[in-house]
């Protein structure tokens, strides 16, 4: 890697770490084109492993680069108090607290099928549309759902579907 590439990668890693939602080692592009391209570029350099066009996971090399080169502390080392996590200034519920909402979505066979069809695909526009549909559905029985929480519900659904299909 050249010095120029390293400089650009440091900026990209910092941008991804600051502006995209992370869940452990996984990062969610939130179906935003710039985020998708950032994750793809980091995967091209071996710093991330693309799970699909929306999600990627930091590789061991990526974690090392984040900490040693870009100076970003390991998320696991940052203490979280209580059952809430601070994301972009919004207090949001944990994955465990939102899992029952994802389970309720899974009881809607039509919506779950639409989500399965796009969850591991490459159509970011359709993925975004289904994600908005899921958020609207959840808000029918949980009106206070925030956007970050909606993303977490979708992450739980991704995990459920991925495990069933052998993706994780």
Foldseek 3Di string as FASTA:
>chain_A
DDPVVLVVLLVLLVCQVQPFDDDQQKTFLLLDPVSLVSQVVCVVVVQWADQASGMIGGDPVVVCCVCPPNNHDRPVPDDDPDQWDAHPNDTDGDLVVLQVLLVVCVVVPVLLVQCLVPVRYHPSVSNNVSLVVSVVVSCVVVVVQDPVSSVSSSVSSSVVSCVVVVSD
